[in-house]
Amino acid sequence: AASSAAKGTTTVRGRLRVTVDPFFRVGYWGRNWARFSKNFPN
């Protein structure tokens, strides 16, 4: 229980907003979005 409580304080939570250059967004982000959203769901 103590270990679990301590882990809860190190987990990052919340919404991440990213502003990206349109060229980067289409070229890189678009190809990797599915993998990213799978690893970091809402």
PDB file of all heavy atoms in Angstrom:
ATOM      1  N   ALA A   1       0.834  -1.209   0.000  1.00  0.00           N
ATOM      2  CA  ALA A   1       0.000   0.000   0.000  1.00  0.00           C
ATOM      3  C   ALA A   1       0.865   1.254   0.000  1.00  0.00           C
ATOM      4  O   ALA A   1       0.581   2.214  -0.731  1.00  0.00           O
ATOM      5  CB  ALA A   1      -0.937  -0.011   1.197  1.00  0.00           C
ATOM      6  N   ALA A   2       1.915   1.259   0.792  1.00  0.00           N
ATOM      7  CA  ALA A   2       2.812   2.418   0.845  1.00  0.00           C
ATOM      8  C   ALA A   2       3.527   2.605  -0.490  1.00  0.00           C
ATOM      9  O   ALA A   2       3.672   3.727  -0.989  1.00  0.00           O
ATOM     10  CB  ALA A   2       3.820   2.253   1.972  1.00  0.00           C
ATOM     11  N   SER A   3       3.966   1.506  -1.079  1.00  0.00           N
ATOM     12  CA  SER A   3       4.639   1.565  -2.374  1.00  0.00           C
ATOM     13  C   SER A   3       3.697   2.072  -3.456  1.00  0.00           C
ATOM     14  O   SER A   3       4.062   2.901  -4.288  1.00  0.00           O
ATOM     15  CB  SER A   3       5.178   0.183  -2.735  1.00  0.00           C
ATOM     16  OG  SER A   3       5.760   0.193  -4.004  1.00  0.00           O
ATOM     17  N   SER A   4       2.473   1.596  -3.441  1.00  0.00           N
ATOM     18  CA  SER A   4       1.469   2.019  -4.418  1.00  0.00           C
ATOM     19  C   SER A   4       1.161   3.504  -4.275  1.00  0.00           C
ATOM     20  O   SER A   4       1.028   4.225  -5.264  1.00  0.00           O
ATOM     21  CB  SER A   4       0.201   1.195  -4.242  1.00  0.00           C
ATOM     22  OG  SER A   4      -0.811   1.625  -5.106  1.00  0.00           O
ATOM     23  N   ALA A   5       1.053   3.961  -3.062  1.00  0.00           N
ATOM     24  CA  ALA A   5       0.781   5.382  -2.817  1.00  0.00           C
ATOM     25  C   ALA A   5       1.937   6.237  -3.313  1.00  0.00           C
ATOM     26  O   ALA A   5       1.721   7.301  -3.899  1.00  0.00           O
ATOM     27  CB  ALA A   5       0.535   5.625  -1.335  1.00  0.00           C
ATOM     28  N   ALA A   6       3.162   5.768  -3.101  1.00  0.00           N
ATOM     29  CA  ALA A   6       4.333   6.526  -3.543  1.00  0.00           C
ATOM     30  C   ALA A   6       4.412   6.573  -5.061  1.00  0.00           C
ATOM     31  O   ALA A   6       4.807   7.584  -5.642  1.00  0.00           O
ATOM     32  CB  ALA A   6       5.604   5.909  -2.963  1.00  0.00           C
ATOM     33  N   LYS A   7       4.022   5.495  -5.725  1.00  0.00           N
ATOM     34  CA  LYS A   7       4.044   5.478  -7.192  1.00  0.00           C
ATOM     35  C   LYS A   7       3.033   6.457  -7.759  1.00  0.00           C
ATOM     36  O   LYS A   7       3.262   7.035  -8.820  1.00  0.00           O
ATOM     37  CB  LYS A   7       3.730   4.071  -7.711  1.00  0.00           C
ATOM     38  CG  LYS A   7       4.869   3.112  -7.570  1.00  0.00           C
ATOM     39  CD  LYS A   7       4.483   1.758  -8.125  1.00  0.00           C
ATOM     40  CE  LYS A   7       5.585   0.753  -7.852  1.00  0.00           C
ATOM     41  NZ  LYS A   7       5.183  -0.602  -8.260  1.00  0.00           N
ATOM     42  N   GLY A   8       1.917   6.631  -7.060  1.00  0.00           N
ATOM     43  CA  GLY A   8       0.892   7.550  -7.532  1.00  0.00           C
ATOM     44  C   GLY A   8       1.382   8.980  -7.624  1.00  0.00           C
ATOM     45  O   GLY A   8       0.891   9.758  -8.430  1.00  0.00           O
ATOM     46  N   THR A   9       2.358   9.346  -6.821  1.00  0.00           N
ATOM     47  CA  THR A   9       2.875  10.709  -6.858  1.00  0.00           C
ATOM     48  C   THR A   9       3.867  10.926  -7.984  1.00  0.00           C
ATOM     49  O   THR A   9       4.158  12.056  -8.331  1.00  0.00           O
ATOM     50  CB  THR A   9       3.559  11.084  -5.526  1.00  0.00           C
ATOM     51  OG1 THR A   9       4.670  10.209  -5.316  1.00  0.00           O
ATOM     52  CG2 THR A   9       2.594  10.979  -4.364  1.00  0.00           C
ATOM     53  N   THR A  10       4.388   9.851  -8.579  1.00  0.00           N
ATOM     54  CA  THR A  10       5.364  10.005  -9.652  1.00  0.00           C
ATOM     55  C   THR A  10       4.758   9.825 -11.028  1.00  0.00           C
ATOM     56  O   THR A  10       5.424  10.025 -12.021  1.00  0.00           O
ATOM     57  CB  THR A  10       6.523   8.998  -9.491  1.00  0.00           C
ATOM     58  OG1 THR A  10       5.995   7.674  -9.538  1.00  0.00           O
ATOM     59  CG2 THR A  10       7.264   9.227  -8.199  1.00  0.00           C
ATOM     60  N   THR A  11       3.488   9.431 -11.097  1.00  0.00           N
ATOM     61  CA  THR A  11       2.821   9.254 -12.380  1.00  0.00           C
ATOM     62  C   THR A  11       2.361  10.606 -12.885  1.00  0.00           C
ATOM     63  O   THR A  11       1.692  11.356 -12.172  1.00  0.00           O
ATOM     64  CB  THR A  11       1.617   8.306 -12.238  1.00  0.00           C
ATOM     65  OG1 THR A  11       2.076   7.065 -11.714  1.00  0.00           O
ATOM     66  CG2 THR A  11       0.938   8.086 -13.560  1.00  0.00           C
ATOM     67  N   VAL A  12       2.724  10.919 -14.118  1.00  0.00           N
ATOM     68  CA  VAL A  12       2.329  12.181 -14.722  1.00  0.00           C
ATOM     69  C   VAL A  12       0.905  12.039 -15.226  1.00  0.00           C
ATOM     70  O   VAL A  12       0.566  11.061 -15.892  1.00  0.00           O
ATOM     71  CB  VAL A  12       3.283  12.538 -15.885  1.00  0.00           C
ATOM     72  CG1 VAL A  12       2.830  13.816 -16.556  1.00  0.00           C
ATOM     73  CG2 VAL A  12       4.702  12.651 -15.376  1.00  0.00           C
ATOM     74  N   ARG A  13       0.079  12.982 -14.875  1.00  0.00           N
ATOM     75  CA  ARG A  13      -1.320  12.955 -15.275  1.00  0.00           C
ATOM     76  C   ARG A  13      -1.710  14.301 -15.853  1.00  0.00           C
ATOM     77  O   ARG A  13      -1.099  15.309 -15.549  1.00  0.00           O
ATOM     78  CB  ARG A  13      -2.204  12.651 -14.071  1.00  0.00           C
ATOM     79  CG  ARG A  13      -1.917  11.312 -13.478  1.00  0.00           C
ATOM     80  CD  ARG A  13      -2.643  11.157 -12.183  1.00  0.00           C
ATOM     81  NE  ARG A  13      -2.069  10.015 -11.482  1.00  0.00           N
ATOM     82  CZ  ARG A  13      -2.768   9.109 -10.868  1.00  0.00           C
ATOM     83  NH1 ARG A  13      -4.058   9.197 -10.852  1.00  0.00           N
ATOM     84  NH2 ARG A  13      -2.193   8.118 -10.255  1.00  0.00           N
ATOM     85  N   GLY A  14      -2.727  14.265 -16.673  1.00  0.00           N
ATOM     86  CA  GLY A  14      -3.236  15.513 -17.220  1.00  0.00           C
ATOM     87  C   GLY A  14      -3.203  15.506 -18.733  1.00  0.00           C
ATOM     88  O   GLY A  14      -2.843  14.523 -19.377  1.00  0.00           O
ATOM     89  N   ARG A  15      -3.565  16.607 -19.310  1.00  0.00           N
ATOM     90  CA  ARG A  15      -3.649  16.753 -20.757  1.00  0.00           C
ATOM     91  C   ARG A  15      -2.414  17.487 -21.258  1.00  0.00           C
ATOM     92  O   ARG A  15      -1.992  18.478 -20.676  1.00  0.00           O
ATOM     93  CB  ARG A  15      -4.898  17.527 -21.104  1.00  0.00           C
ATOM     94  CG  ARG A  15      -5.085  17.708 -22.582  1.00  0.00           C
ATOM     95  CD  ARG A  15      -6.461  18.117 -22.864  1.00  0.00           C
ATOM     96  NE  ARG A  15      -7.258  16.908 -22.646  1.00  0.00           N
ATOM     97  CZ  ARG A  15      -8.508  16.786 -22.985  1.00  0.00           C
ATOM     98  NH1 ARG A  15      -9.131  17.783 -23.539  1.00  0.00           N
ATOM     99  NH2 ARG A  15      -9.168  15.680 -22.770  1.00  0.00           N
ATOM    100  N   LEU A  16      -1.854  17.000 -22.335  1.00  0.00           N
ATOM    101  CA  LEU A  16      -0.681  17.611 -22.960  1.00  0.00           C
ATOM    102  C   LEU A  16      -1.123  18.265 -24.258  1.00  0.00           C
ATOM    103  O   LEU A  16      -1.703  17.602 -25.123  1.00  0.00           O
ATOM    104  CB  LEU A  16       0.390  16.550 -23.236  1.00  0.00           C
ATOM    105  CG  LEU A  16       1.613  17.001 -24.023  1.00  0.00           C
ATOM    106  CD1 LEU A  16       2.411  18.020 -23.207  1.00  0.00           C
ATOM    107  CD2 LEU A  16       2.470  15.807 -24.386  1.00  0.00           C
ATOM    108  N   ARG A  17      -0.855  19.536 -24.374  1.00  0.00           N
ATOM    109  CA  ARG A  17      -1.164  20.251 -25.620  1.00  0.00           C
ATOM    110  C   ARG A  17       0.161  20.538 -26.313  1.00  0.00           C
ATOM    111  O   ARG A  17       1.089  21.057 -25.712  1.00  0.00           O
ATOM    112  CB  ARG A  17      -1.892  21.549 -25.341  1.00  0.00           C
ATOM    113  CG  ARG A  17      -3.251  21.340 -24.742  1.00  0.00           C
ATOM    114  CD  ARG A  17      -3.959  22.679 -24.578  1.00  0.00           C
ATOM    115  NE  ARG A  17      -5.194  22.488 -23.889  1.00  0.00           N
ATOM    116  CZ  ARG A  17      -6.361  22.307 -24.503  1.00  0.00           C
ATOM    117  NH1 ARG A  17      -6.414  22.300 -25.811  1.00  0.00           N
ATOM    118  NH2 ARG A  17      -7.461  22.146 -23.791  1.00  0.00           N
ATOM    119  N   VAL A  18       0.195  20.184 -27.594  1.00  0.00           N
ATOM    120  CA  VAL A  18       1.417  20.353 -28.371  1.00  0.00           C
ATOM    121  C   VAL A  18       1.129  21.238 -29.571  1.00  0.00           C
ATOM    122  O   VAL A  18       0.206  20.967 -30.342  1.00  0.00           O
ATOM    123  CB  VAL A  18       1.959  18.983 -28.847  1.00  0.00           C
ATOM    124  CG1 VAL A  18       3.221  19.162 -29.658  1.00  0.00           C
ATOM    125  CG2 VAL A  18       2.184  18.055 -27.668  1.00  0.00           C
ATOM    126  N   THR A  19       1.930  22.268 -29.725  1.00  0.00           N
ATOM    127  CA  THR A  19       1.844  23.110 -30.907  1.00  0.00           C
ATOM    128  C   THR A  19       3.030  22.742 -31.786  1.00  0.00           C
ATOM    129  O   THR A  19       4.179  22.777 -31.346  1.00  0.00           O
ATOM    130  CB  THR A  19       1.906  24.602 -30.529  1.00  0.00           C
ATOM    131  OG1 THR A  19       0.871  24.865 -29.582  1.00  0.00           O
ATOM    132  CG2 THR A  19       1.755  25.488 -31.738  1.00  0.00           C
ATOM    133  N   VAL A  20       2.717  22.363 -33.053  1.00  0.00           N
ATOM    134  CA  VAL A  20       3.749  21.832 -33.933  1.00  0.00           C
ATOM    135  C   VAL A  20       3.685  22.539 -35.278  1.00  0.00           C
ATOM    136  O   VAL A  20       2.616  22.890 -35.777  1.00  0.00           O
ATOM    137  CB  VAL A  20       3.540  20.317 -34.143  1.00  0.00           C
ATOM    138  CG1 VAL A  20       4.705  19.705 -34.875  1.00  0.00           C
ATOM    139  CG2 VAL A  20       3.288  19.604 -32.853  1.00  0.00           C
ATOM    140  N   ASP A  21       4.833  22.707 -35.879  1.00  0.00           N
ATOM    141  CA  ASP A  21       4.936  23.232 -37.231  1.00  0.00           C
ATOM    142  C   ASP A  21       4.112  22.345 -38.172  1.00  0.00           C
ATOM    143  O   ASP A  21       4.174  21.109 -38.064  1.00  0.00           O
ATOM    144  CB  ASP A  21       6.411  23.235 -37.655  1.00  0.00           C
ATOM    145  CG  ASP A  21       6.587  23.766 -39.046  1.00  0.00           C
ATOM    146  OD1 ASP A  21       6.604  24.996 -39.213  1.00  0.00           O
ATOM    147  OD2 ASP A  21       6.704  22.927 -39.963  1.00  0.00           O
ATOM    148  N   PRO A  22       3.335  22.895 -39.093  1.00  0.00           N
ATOM    149  CA  PRO A  22       2.494  22.072 -39.976  1.00  0.00           C
ATOM    150  C   PRO A  22       3.287  21.037 -40.782  1.00  0.00           C
ATOM    151  O   PRO A  22       2.829  19.916 -40.988  1.00  0.00           O
ATOM    152  CB  PRO A  22       1.830  23.088 -40.907  1.00  0.00           C
ATOM    153  CG  PRO A  22       1.871  24.373 -40.163  1.00  0.00           C
ATOM    154  CD  PRO A  22       3.111  24.320 -39.308  1.00  0.00           C
ATOM    155  N   PHE A  23       4.455  21.379 -41.244  1.00  0.00           N
ATOM    156  CA  PHE A  23       5.261  20.433 -42.019  1.00  0.00           C
ATOM    157  C   PHE A  23       5.638  19.216 -41.149  1.00  0.00           C
ATOM    158  O   PHE A  23       5.522  18.073 -41.573  1.00  0.00           O
ATOM    159  CB  PHE A  23       6.525  21.126 -42.542  1.00  0.00           C
ATOM    160  CG  PHE A  23       7.418  20.203 -43.309  1.00  0.00           C
ATOM    161  CD1 PHE A  23       7.075  19.800 -44.591  1.00  0.00           C
ATOM    162  CD2 PHE A  23       8.580  19.719 -42.748  1.00  0.00           C
ATOM    163  CE1 PHE A  23       7.887  18.937 -45.302  1.00  0.00           C
ATOM    164  CE2 PHE A  23       9.398  18.848 -43.444  1.00  0.00           C
ATOM    165  CZ  PHE A  23       9.052  18.459 -44.734  1.00  0.00           C
ATOM    166  N   PHE A  24       6.067  19.481 -39.937  1.00  0.00           N
ATOM    167  CA  PHE A  24       6.424  18.397 -39.005  1.00  0.00           C
ATOM    168  C   PHE A  24       5.198  17.565 -38.663  1.00  0.00           C
ATOM    169  O   PHE A  24       5.255  16.349 -38.600  1.00  0.00           O
ATOM    170  CB  PHE A  24       7.040  18.987 -37.733  1.00  0.00           C
ATOM    171  CG  PHE A  24       7.399  17.968 -36.696  1.00  0.00           C
ATOM    172  CD1 PHE A  24       8.536  17.191 -36.830  1.00  0.00           C
ATOM    173  CD2 PHE A  24       6.583  17.768 -35.592  1.00  0.00           C
ATOM    174  CE1 PHE A  24       8.868  16.244 -35.878  1.00  0.00           C
ATOM    175  CE2 PHE A  24       6.906  16.824 -34.635  1.00  0.00           C
ATOM    176  CZ  PHE A  24       8.060  16.060 -34.775  1.00  0.00           C
ATOM    177  N   ARG A  25       4.063  18.248 -38.473  1.00  0.00           N
ATOM    178  CA  ARG A  25       2.837  17.547 -38.100  1.00  0.00           C
ATOM    179  C   ARG A  25       2.421  16.555 -39.177  1.00  0.00           C
ATOM    180  O   ARG A  25       2.082  15.410 -38.889  1.00  0.00           O
ATOM    181  CB  ARG A  25       1.727  18.562 -37.846  1.00  0.00           C
ATOM    182  CG  ARG A  25       0.445  17.915 -37.354  1.00  0.00           C
ATOM    183  CD  ARG A  25      -0.638  18.922 -37.108  1.00  0.00           C
ATOM    184  NE  ARG A  25      -1.021  19.526 -38.382  1.00  0.00           N
ATOM    185  CZ  ARG A  25      -1.355  20.797 -38.541  1.00  0.00           C
ATOM    186  NH1 ARG A  25      -1.356  21.616 -37.520  1.00  0.00           N
ATOM    187  NH2 ARG A  25      -1.693  21.271 -39.708  1.00  0.00           N
ATOM    188  N   VAL A  26       2.488  16.942 -40.418  1.00  0.00           N
ATOM    189  CA  VAL A  26       2.087  16.058 -41.506  1.00  0.00           C
ATOM    190  C   VAL A  26       3.149  14.985 -41.741  1.00  0.00           C
ATOM    191  O   VAL A  26       2.837  13.804 -41.876  1.00  0.00           O
ATOM    192  CB  VAL A  26       1.833  16.867 -42.800  1.00  0.00           C
ATOM    193  CG1 VAL A  26       1.613  15.937 -43.987  1.00  0.00           C
ATOM    194  CG2 VAL A  26       0.645  17.791 -42.607  1.00  0.00           C
ATOM    195  N   GLY A  27       4.407  15.387 -41.764  1.00  0.00           N
ATOM    196  CA  GLY A  27       5.480  14.451 -42.116  1.00  0.00           C
ATOM    197  C   GLY A  27       5.825  13.444 -41.041  1.00  0.00           C
ATOM    198  O   GLY A  27       6.023  12.262 -41.314  1.00  0.00           O
ATOM    199  N   TYR A  28       5.893  13.869 -39.820  1.00  0.00           N
ATOM    200  CA  TYR A  28       6.328  12.959 -38.754  1.00  0.00           C
ATOM    201  C   TYR A  28       5.184  12.552 -37.841  1.00  0.00           C
ATOM    202  O   TYR A  28       4.945  11.377 -37.604  1.00  0.00           O
ATOM    203  CB  TYR A  28       7.438  13.618 -37.922  1.00  0.00           C
ATOM    204  CG  TYR A  28       7.899  12.752 -36.786  1.00  0.00           C
ATOM    205  CD1 TYR A  28       8.749  11.683 -37.026  1.00  0.00           C
ATOM    206  CD2 TYR A  28       7.446  12.972 -35.492  1.00  0.00           C
ATOM    207  CE1 TYR A  28       9.162  10.860 -35.985  1.00  0.00           C
ATOM    208  CE2 TYR A  28       7.840  12.155 -34.450  1.00  0.00           C
ATOM    209  CZ  TYR A  28       8.710  11.108 -34.704  1.00  0.00           C
ATOM    210  OH  TYR A  28       9.095  10.292 -33.682  1.00  0.00           O
ATOM    211  N   TRP A  29       4.483  13.541 -37.336  1.00  0.00           N
ATOM    212  CA  TRP A  29       3.466  13.287 -36.323  1.00  0.00           C
ATOM    213  C   TRP A  29       2.343  12.412 -36.870  1.00  0.00           C
ATOM    214  O   TRP A  29       1.851  11.517 -36.195  1.00  0.00           O
ATOM    215  CB  TRP A  29       2.915  14.618 -35.826  1.00  0.00           C
ATOM    216  CG  TRP A  29       2.157  14.505 -34.556  1.00  0.00           C
ATOM    217  CD1 TRP A  29       0.817  14.602 -34.433  1.00  0.00           C
ATOM    218  CD2 TRP A  29       2.658  14.268 -33.252  1.00  0.00           C
ATOM    219  NE1 TRP A  29       0.457  14.451 -33.127  1.00  0.00           N
ATOM    220  CE2 TRP A  29       1.582  14.241 -32.378  1.00  0.00           C
ATOM    221  CE3 TRP A  29       3.928  14.078 -32.735  1.00  0.00           C
ATOM    222  CZ2 TRP A  29       1.706  14.036 -31.021  1.00  0.00           C
ATOM    223  CZ3 TRP A  29       4.067  13.875 -31.393  1.00  0.00           C
ATOM    224  CH2 TRP A  29       2.976  13.851 -30.548  1.00  0.00           C
ATOM    225  N   GLY A  30       1.943  12.645 -38.094  1.00  0.00           N
ATOM    226  CA  GLY A  30       0.868  11.874 -38.696  1.00  0.00           C
ATOM    227  C   GLY A  30       1.187  10.384 -38.755  1.00  0.00           C
ATOM    228  O   GLY A  30       0.328   9.544 -38.481  1.00  0.00           O
ATOM    229  N   ARG A  31       2.431  10.029 -39.085  1.00  0.00           N
ATOM    230  CA  ARG A  31       2.833   8.615 -39.167  1.00  0.00           C
ATOM    231  C   ARG A  31       2.911   7.965 -37.801  1.00  0.00           C
ATOM    232  O   ARG A  31       2.706   6.765 -37.661  1.00  0.00           O
ATOM    233  CB  ARG A  31       4.205   8.495 -39.837  1.00  0.00           C
ATOM    234  CG  ARG A  31       4.199   8.815 -41.300  1.00  0.00           C
ATOM    235  CD  ARG A  31       5.528   8.436 -41.929  1.00  0.00           C
ATOM    236  NE  ARG A  31       6.679   8.965 -41.216  1.00  0.00           N
ATOM    237  CZ  ARG A  31       7.382  10.030 -41.594  1.00  0.00           C
ATOM    238  NH1 ARG A  31       7.044  10.693 -42.675  1.00  0.00           N
ATOM    239  NH2 ARG A  31       8.400  10.430 -40.883  1.00  0.00           N
ATOM    240  N   ASN A  32       3.207   8.722 -36.766  1.00  0.00           N
ATOM    241  CA  ASN A  32       3.432   8.157 -35.431  1.00  0.00           C
ATOM    242  C   ASN A  32       2.298   8.403 -34.443  1.00  0.00           C
ATOM    243  O   ASN A  32       2.387   7.990 -33.295  1.00  0.00           O
ATOM    244  CB  ASN A  32       4.745   8.709 -34.854  1.00  0.00           C
ATOM    245  CG  ASN A  32       5.919   8.270 -35.684  1.00  0.00           C
ATOM    246  OD1 ASN A  32       6.146   7.078 -35.855  1.00  0.00           O
ATOM    247  ND2 ASN A  32       6.649   9.218 -36.255  1.00  0.00           N
ATOM    248  N   TRP A  33       1.241   9.087 -34.903  1.00  0.00           N
ATOM    249  CA  TRP A  33       0.159   9.427 -33.984  1.00  0.00           C
ATOM    250  C   TRP A  33      -0.504   8.194 -33.369  1.00  0.00           C
ATOM    251  O   TRP A  33      -0.786   8.165 -32.172  1.00  0.00           O
ATOM    252  CB  TRP A  33      -0.882  10.296 -34.676  1.00  0.00           C
ATOM    253  CG  TRP A  33      -2.046  10.577 -33.784  1.00  0.00           C
ATOM    254  CD1 TRP A  33      -3.294  10.084 -33.893  1.00  0.00           C
ATOM    255  CD2 TRP A  33      -2.031  11.364 -32.602  1.00  0.00           C
ATOM    256  NE1 TRP A  33      -4.082  10.532 -32.874  1.00  0.00           N
ATOM    257  CE2 TRP A  33      -3.323  11.327 -32.048  1.00  0.00           C
ATOM    258  CE3 TRP A  33      -1.058  12.111 -31.942  1.00  0.00           C
ATOM    259  CZ2 TRP A  33      -3.675  11.993 -30.896  1.00  0.00           C
ATOM    260  CZ3 TRP A  33      -1.401  12.777 -30.794  1.00  0.00           C
ATOM    261  CH2 TRP A  33      -2.691  12.719 -30.269  1.00  0.00           C
ATOM    262  N   ALA A  34      -0.757   7.168 -34.175  1.00  0.00           N
ATOM    263  CA  ALA A  34      -1.433   5.963 -33.668  1.00  0.00           C
ATOM    264  C   ALA A  34      -0.610   5.311 -32.554  1.00  0.00           C
ATOM    265  O   ALA A  34      -1.149   4.904 -31.526  1.00  0.00           O
ATOM    266  CB  ALA A  34      -1.676   4.972 -34.802  1.00  0.00           C
ATOM    267  N   ARG A  35       0.687   5.209 -32.749  1.00  0.00           N
ATOM    268  CA  ARG A  35       1.548   4.597 -31.729  1.00  0.00           C
ATOM    269  C   ARG A  35       1.580   5.455 -30.471  1.00  0.00           C
ATOM    270  O   ARG A  35       1.506   4.943 -29.354  1.00  0.00           O
ATOM    271  CB  ARG A  35       2.957   4.406 -32.282  1.00  0.00           C
ATOM    272  CG  ARG A  35       3.863   3.658 -31.333  1.00  0.00           C
ATOM    273  CD  ARG A  35       5.210   3.417 -31.915  1.00  0.00           C
ATOM    274  NE  ARG A  35       5.749   4.694 -32.375  1.00  0.00           N
ATOM    275  CZ  ARG A  35       6.866   4.826 -33.080  1.00  0.00           C
ATOM    276  NH1 ARG A  35       7.547   3.794 -33.418  1.00  0.00           N
ATOM    277  NH2 ARG A  35       7.283   6.020 -33.447  1.00  0.00           N
ATOM    278  N   PHE A  36       1.657   6.755 -30.639  1.00  0.00           N
ATOM    279  CA  PHE A  36       1.682   7.652 -29.498  1.00  0.00           C
ATOM    280  C   PHE A  36       0.373   7.549 -28.696  1.00  0.00           C
ATOM    281  O   PHE A  36       0.390   7.410 -27.487  1.00  0.00           O
ATOM    282  CB  PHE A  36       1.909   9.091 -29.949  1.00  0.00           C
ATOM    283  CG  PHE A  36       1.892  10.091 -28.831  1.00  0.00           C
ATOM    284  CD1 PHE A  36       3.025  10.292 -28.051  1.00  0.00           C
ATOM    285  CD2 PHE A  36       0.746  10.811 -28.536  1.00  0.00           C
ATOM    286  CE1 PHE A  36       3.007  11.194 -27.009  1.00  0.00           C
ATOM    287  CE2 PHE A  36       0.727  11.712 -27.489  1.00  0.00           C
ATOM    288  CZ  PHE A  36       1.857  11.911 -26.722  1.00  0.00           C
ATOM    289  N   SER A  37      -0.746   7.619 -29.382  1.00  0.00           N
ATOM    290  CA  SER A  37      -2.025   7.592 -28.659  1.00  0.00           C
ATOM    291  C   SER A  37      -2.290   6.235 -28.035  1.00  0.00           C
ATOM    292  O   SER A  37      -2.999   6.137 -27.030  1.00  0.00           O
ATOM    293  CB  SER A  37      -3.169   7.984 -29.585  1.00  0.00           C
ATOM    294  OG  SER A  37      -3.267   7.076 -30.665  1.00  0.00           O
ATOM    295  N   LYS A  38      -1.711   5.178 -28.583  1.00  0.00           N
ATOM    296  CA  LYS A  38      -1.844   3.849 -27.966  1.00  0.00           C
ATOM    297  C   LYS A  38      -1.054   3.790 -26.654  1.00  0.00           C
ATOM    298  O   LYS A  38      -1.515   3.253 -25.659  1.00  0.00           O
ATOM    299  CB  LYS A  38      -1.327   2.780 -28.920  1.00  0.00           C
ATOM    300  CG  LYS A  38      -1.439   1.386 -28.399  1.00  0.00           C
ATOM    301  CD  LYS A  38      -0.899   0.392 -29.415  1.00  0.00           C
ATOM    302  CE  LYS A  38      -0.788  -0.998 -28.823  1.00  0.00           C
ATOM    303  NZ  LYS A  38      -0.165  -1.923 -29.751  1.00  0.00           N
ATOM    304  N   ASN A  39       0.151   4.375 -26.633  1.00  0.00           N
ATOM    305  CA  ASN A  39       0.992   4.366 -25.433  1.00  0.00           C
ATOM    306  C   ASN A  39       0.524   5.364 -24.379  1.00  0.00           C
ATOM    307  O   ASN A  39       0.772   5.179 -23.187  1.00  0.00           O
ATOM    308  CB  ASN A  39       2.446   4.668 -25.794  1.00  0.00           C
ATOM    309  CG  ASN A  39       3.094   3.545 -26.562  1.00  0.00           C
ATOM    310  OD1 ASN A  39       2.697   2.389 -26.445  1.00  0.00           O
ATOM    311  ND2 ASN A  39       4.083   3.873 -27.379  1.00  0.00           N
ATOM    312  N   PHE A  40      -0.131   6.435 -24.814  1.00  0.00           N
ATOM    313  CA  PHE A  40      -0.554   7.488 -23.889  1.00  0.00           C
ATOM    314  C   PHE A  40      -2.019   7.847 -24.148  1.00  0.00           C
ATOM    315  O   PHE A  40      -2.327   8.892 -24.682  1.00  0.00           O
ATOM    316  CB  PHE A  40       0.327   8.728 -24.039  1.00  0.00           C
ATOM    317  CG  PHE A  40       1.779   8.465 -23.826  1.00  0.00           C
ATOM    318  CD1 PHE A  40       2.643   8.332 -24.898  1.00  0.00           C
ATOM    319  CD2 PHE A  40       2.282   8.307 -22.550  1.00  0.00           C
ATOM    320  CE1 PHE A  40       3.988   8.065 -24.689  1.00  0.00           C
ATOM    321  CE2 PHE A  40       3.614   8.054 -22.347  1.00  0.00           C
ATOM    322  CZ  PHE A  40       4.467   7.927 -23.415  1.00  0.00           C
ATOM    323  N   PRO A  41      -2.929   6.970 -23.725  1.00  0.00           N
ATOM    324  CA  PRO A  41      -4.353   7.266 -23.940  1.00  0.00           C
ATOM    325  C   PRO A  41      -4.827   8.421 -23.056  1.00  0.00           C
ATOM    326  O   PRO A  41      -4.179   8.776 -22.090  1.00  0.00           O
ATOM    327  CB  PRO A  41      -5.045   5.957 -23.563  1.00  0.00           C
ATOM    328  CG  PRO A  41      -4.103   5.307 -22.601  1.00  0.00           C
ATOM    329  CD  PRO A  41      -2.717   5.723 -23.029  1.00  0.00           C
ATOM    330  N   ASN A  42      -5.977   8.938 -23.380  1.00  0.00           N
ATOM    331  CA  ASN A  42      -6.546  10.027 -22.583  1.00  0.00           C
ATOM    332  C   ASN A  42      -6.595   9.628 -21.193  1.00  0.00           C
ATOM    333  O   ASN A  42      -6.780   9.764 -20.224  1.00  0.00           O
ATOM    334  CB  ASN A  42      -7.933  10.427 -23.072  1.00  0.00           C
ATOM    335  CG  ASN A  42      -7.823  11.176 -24.385  1.00  0.00           C
ATOM    336  OD1 ASN A  42      -6.785  11.704 -24.722  1.00  0.00           O
ATOM    337  ND2 ASN A  42      -8.917  11.198 -25.101  1.00  0.00           N
TER     338      ASN A  42
END
